[in-house]
Protein backbone atom coordinates (compact mmCIF):
# COMPACT_ATOMS: atom_id res chain seq x y z
CA UNK A 1 34.64 147.70 84.78
CA UNK A 2 34.35 151.39 85.64
CA UNK A 3 31.86 152.20 88.44
CA UNK A 4 29.19 153.23 85.93
CA UNK A 5 26.24 152.85 88.31
CA UNK A 6 27.74 155.20 90.87
CA UNK A 7 28.68 157.82 88.29
CA UNK A 8 25.27 157.55 86.66
CA UNK A 9 23.59 158.10 90.01
CA UNK A 10 25.75 161.20 90.60
CA UNK A 11 24.97 162.54 87.15
CA UNK A 12 21.25 162.10 87.85
CA UNK A 13 21.49 163.88 91.18
CA UNK A 14 23.39 166.84 89.60
CA UNK A 15 20.13 167.68 87.84
CA UNK A 16 18.35 168.05 91.20
CA UNK A 17 17.86 171.44 92.87
CA UNK A 18 18.49 170.05 96.35
CA UNK A 19 19.26 166.74 98.17
CA UNK A 20 18.96 167.03 101.95
CA UNK A 21 19.11 170.15 104.13
CA UNK A 22 21.57 172.97 103.48
CA UNK A 23 23.66 172.47 106.68
CA UNK A 24 24.24 168.81 105.89
CA UNK A 25 25.15 169.74 102.27
CA UNK A 26 27.73 172.30 103.46
CA UNK A 27 29.29 169.79 105.86
CA UNK A 28 29.58 167.08 103.22
CA UNK A 29 31.08 169.64 100.76
CA UNK A 30 33.73 170.87 103.30
CA UNK A 31 34.72 167.22 104.19
CA UNK A 32 34.92 166.09 100.61
CA UNK A 33 37.02 169.05 99.65
CA UNK A 34 39.36 168.49 102.65
CA UNK A 35 40.25 164.92 102.01
CA UNK A 36 39.10 161.37 101.41
CA UNK A 37 35.78 160.76 103.30
CA UNK A 38 34.91 157.21 104.16
CA UNK A 39 31.27 156.26 104.00
CA UNK A 40 29.82 156.22 107.47
CA UNK A 41 32.21 158.91 108.75
CA UNK A 42 29.36 161.43 108.91
CA UNK A 43 26.81 161.25 111.66
CA UNK A 44 23.48 159.83 110.49
CA UNK A 45 24.91 157.20 108.16
CA UNK A 46 26.71 156.76 104.91
CA UNK A 47 27.49 159.44 102.38
CA UNK A 48 24.89 159.07 99.60
CA UNK A 49 25.24 159.75 95.92
CA UNK A 50 22.89 162.67 96.35
CA UNK A 51 25.19 164.25 98.96
CA UNK A 52 28.26 163.78 96.78
CA UNK A 53 26.36 165.29 93.86
CA UNK A 54 25.60 168.37 95.91
CA UNK A 55 29.31 168.62 96.91
CA UNK A 56 30.18 168.49 93.20
CA UNK A 57 27.77 171.30 92.43
CA UNK A 58 29.17 173.50 95.19
CA UNK A 59 32.76 172.72 94.08
CA UNK A 60 32.02 173.74 90.49
CA UNK A 61 30.34 176.93 91.73
CA UNK A 62 33.14 177.74 94.16
CA UNK A 63 36.18 177.71 91.79
CA UNK A 64 37.02 177.91 88.22
CA UNK A 65 39.98 175.44 88.56
CA UNK A 66 39.90 171.93 87.10
CA UNK A 67 38.16 169.41 89.30
CA UNK A 68 37.81 165.64 89.63
CA UNK A 69 35.96 163.17 91.81
CA UNK A 70 38.02 160.26 93.22
CA UNK A 71 36.58 157.05 94.83
CA UNK A 72 38.88 154.46 96.39
CA UNK A 73 36.90 151.22 96.08
CA UNK A 74 38.67 149.13 98.77
CA UNK A 75 38.48 151.85 101.37
CA UNK A 76 35.04 152.98 100.32
CA UNK A 77 36.30 156.57 100.43
CA UNK A 78 35.49 159.57 98.33
CA UNK A 79 37.10 162.99 97.69
CA UNK A 80 36.83 165.98 95.34
CA UNK A 81 40.24 166.96 93.87
CA UNK A 82 41.47 170.25 92.51
CA UNK A 83 44.30 170.51 90.01
CA UNK A 84 46.94 172.41 91.89
CA UNK A 85 49.96 172.16 89.61
CA UNK A 86 50.95 171.16 86.07
CA UNK A 87 54.33 170.06 84.81
CA UNK A 88 54.21 169.36 81.12
CA UNK A 89 51.94 166.41 80.50
CA UNK A 90 51.59 165.77 84.28
CA UNK A 91 48.99 167.27 86.55
CA UNK A 92 48.94 167.17 90.42
CA UNK A 93 45.48 166.93 91.88
CA UNK A 94 44.92 167.31 95.61
CA UNK A 95 42.69 168.01 98.60
CA UNK A 96 43.24 170.75 101.12
CA UNK A 97 44.88 168.26 103.56
CA UNK A 98 47.59 167.67 100.97
CA UNK A 99 46.64 164.18 99.73
CA UNK A 100 47.64 164.24 96.06
CA UNK A 101 47.31 162.11 92.91
CA UNK A 102 49.51 162.75 89.85
CA UNK A 103 47.86 162.13 86.48
CA UNK A 104 49.15 161.96 82.94
CA UNK A 105 46.35 162.17 80.51
CA UNK A 106 44.02 160.81 83.17
CA UNK A 107 46.29 157.94 84.05
CA UNK A 108 47.69 157.66 87.62
CA UNK A 109 51.49 157.96 87.82
CA UNK A 110 51.87 158.59 91.60
CA UNK A 111 50.10 159.34 94.86
CA UNK A 112 51.04 160.96 98.16
CA UNK A 113 49.27 160.93 101.54
CA UNK A 114 46.89 158.01 100.76
CA UNK A 115 48.94 155.29 102.56
CA UNK A 116 50.75 152.52 100.62
CA UNK A 117 51.32 155.18 97.98
CA UNK A 118 52.41 154.76 94.37
CA UNK A 119 55.83 156.39 94.55
CA UNK A 120 56.47 156.40 90.79
CA UNK A 121 55.49 154.55 87.70
CA UNK A 122 56.61 153.99 84.09
CA UNK A 123 53.53 154.13 81.82
CA UNK A 124 54.70 155.81 78.64
CA UNK A 125 53.91 152.92 76.36
CA UNK A 126 50.58 152.22 78.00
CA UNK A 127 49.62 155.91 77.98
CA UNK A 128 50.47 156.20 74.24
CA UNK A 129 48.12 153.31 73.40
CA UNK A 130 45.34 154.54 75.60
CA UNK A 131 45.60 158.16 74.40
CA UNK A 132 45.66 157.03 70.73
CA UNK A 133 42.72 154.69 71.44
CA UNK A 134 44.67 151.82 69.97
CA UNK A 135 45.09 148.17 70.96
CA UNK A 136 48.50 146.70 71.64
CA UNK A 137 50.92 145.37 74.27
CA UNK A 138 53.12 147.36 76.62
CA UNK A 139 55.10 147.06 79.85
CA UNK A 140 54.03 148.96 82.94
CA UNK A 141 56.29 149.49 85.98
CA UNK A 142 54.59 150.53 89.25
CA UNK A 143 56.49 151.26 92.40
CA UNK A 144 54.36 151.25 95.57
CA UNK A 145 54.92 151.12 99.34
CA UNK A 146 54.04 147.79 101.02
CA UNK A 147 52.82 147.24 104.58
CA UNK A 148 56.32 147.66 105.94
CA UNK A 149 57.00 150.94 104.06
CA UNK A 150 59.30 149.28 101.60
CA UNK A 151 59.14 150.23 97.90
CA UNK A 152 58.00 147.33 95.69
CA UNK A 153 58.64 147.53 91.99
CA UNK A 154 56.02 145.67 90.06
CA UNK A 155 56.79 144.98 86.34
CA UNK A 156 53.66 144.03 84.53
CA UNK A 157 53.00 143.03 80.93
CA UNK A 158 49.79 144.61 79.75
CA UNK A 159 47.41 144.21 76.87
CA UNK A 160 45.35 147.29 75.85
CA UNK A 161 42.17 146.68 73.95
CA UNK A 162 39.81 149.20 72.24
CA UNK A 163 36.08 148.96 73.03
CA UNK A 164 33.01 150.76 71.79
CA UNK A 165 31.98 154.44 71.60
CA UNK A 166 30.10 155.82 74.63
CA UNK A 167 29.14 159.15 76.06
CA UNK A 168 30.20 160.75 79.43
CA UNK A 169 28.15 163.61 80.94
CA UNK A 170 28.83 164.69 84.47
CA UNK A 171 29.82 168.03 86.01
CA UNK A 172 31.06 170.20 83.11
CA UNK A 173 32.17 167.14 81.14
CA UNK A 174 29.87 166.31 78.23
CA UNK A 175 31.76 164.39 75.51
CA UNK A 176 31.77 161.27 73.39
CA UNK A 177 34.44 158.74 74.46
CA UNK A 178 36.04 155.43 73.49
CA UNK A 179 36.25 152.72 76.09
CA UNK A 180 39.72 151.24 76.56
CA UNK A 181 40.66 148.27 78.69
CA UNK A 182 44.15 147.45 80.04
CA UNK A 183 44.78 143.92 81.39
CA UNK A 184 48.05 143.39 83.22
CA UNK A 185 49.86 140.43 84.62
CA UNK A 186 53.00 140.31 86.85
CA UNK A 187 53.42 136.74 88.13
CA UNK A 188 50.57 136.01 90.54
CA UNK A 189 49.47 139.65 90.48
CA UNK A 190 46.88 140.44 87.85
CA UNK A 191 44.75 143.56 87.49
CA UNK A 192 42.54 145.37 85.00
CA UNK A 193 42.24 149.12 84.35
CA UNK A 194 39.49 150.78 82.36
CA UNK A 195 39.44 154.23 80.68
CA UNK A 196 36.86 156.40 78.88
CA UNK A 197 39.01 158.42 76.47
CA UNK A 198 37.71 161.62 74.87
CA UNK A 199 38.64 162.84 71.34
CA UNK A 200 41.70 164.73 72.65
CA UNK A 201 43.12 161.47 74.08
CA UNK A 202 42.38 162.31 77.75
CA UNK A 203 40.85 159.66 80.01
CA UNK A 204 37.97 161.68 81.51
CA UNK A 205 36.80 158.61 83.45
CA UNK A 206 39.08 155.80 84.66
CA UNK A 207 39.29 153.01 87.16
CA UNK A 208 42.92 152.11 87.92
CA UNK A 209 44.76 149.69 90.12
CA UNK A 210 47.18 151.27 92.68
CA UNK A 211 48.57 148.50 94.84
CA UNK A 212 47.48 145.35 96.75
CA UNK A 213 46.60 147.40 99.81
CA UNK A 214 44.68 150.10 98.07
CA UNK A 215 43.21 148.19 95.18
CA UNK A 216 41.51 150.37 92.60
CA UNK A 217 40.77 154.08 92.46
CA UNK A 218 38.08 155.55 90.14
CA UNK A 219 38.66 159.10 88.97
CA UNK A 220 35.99 161.14 87.14
CA UNK A 221 36.92 164.54 85.60
CA UNK A 222 34.33 167.16 86.49
CA UNK A 223 36.04 170.16 84.74
CA UNK A 224 39.19 170.15 82.70
C-alpha cells in the first residue's frame, strides 16, 4: 500500500505555523532540496515528518516550478524534487546534486544517480490502464543495474485493478482520486505498485518498485 500514514502526517504538519527552530528548518530544507537525505543524517536524530513538512512549505514558497516529495523506503531516504525538464509525456524531476527521476503521468520510467538505477522501462500498456483508471493485464519491462553494474531486463506480467474513490490533499494538490493497484510477476520476482490517479489521469501519489536493491519509491506531487 501507499505510505498513507507518512503522507497524512506531512499534510497535518503543513497546517502548522512552525515545527522546530528556524535554523534547523533551514538546514533540513537545504539538505532535502540538495539530494536524498537518510533519516539520522542530521545531528540530533532522525528527520521528522514535521521537519519535512516545513521543507515542503519553504520549497513551495521558494519557487513556482512543479514540485514532488520522494521517499525511498528501503534506504529510509527523503528528497524534494523539482521538475527540471519535459519531453512530451515525460518529465524529468531532480535535486540540485543531479539525482533525477523520469516520470510519465506519475509513473517512474527511469532514474539516475540513485545507485542500481532504472536505466529504461517499457510501461506504455500499464500507463494506459492506470491513466484511464481501468482494470486489465499488461506487460512491463524494467531494465535496472544490478550490484555488479550490469543491466538486468525484467519482463513482468502485470494485473491492474481499480479501487475506490479517495481524496488527496497535500502541498498545492487538492483533488479527488481513484486508487489503482498493479500486481506484477516475473518468475520468482513479484512486486506491487499503487497509484492515486486524479481526474486528468495523472498519478499524484504513487508507490512503485524500482529494483531488488532499491525496493520501492513513494512519490507525492506537491505542485503540478
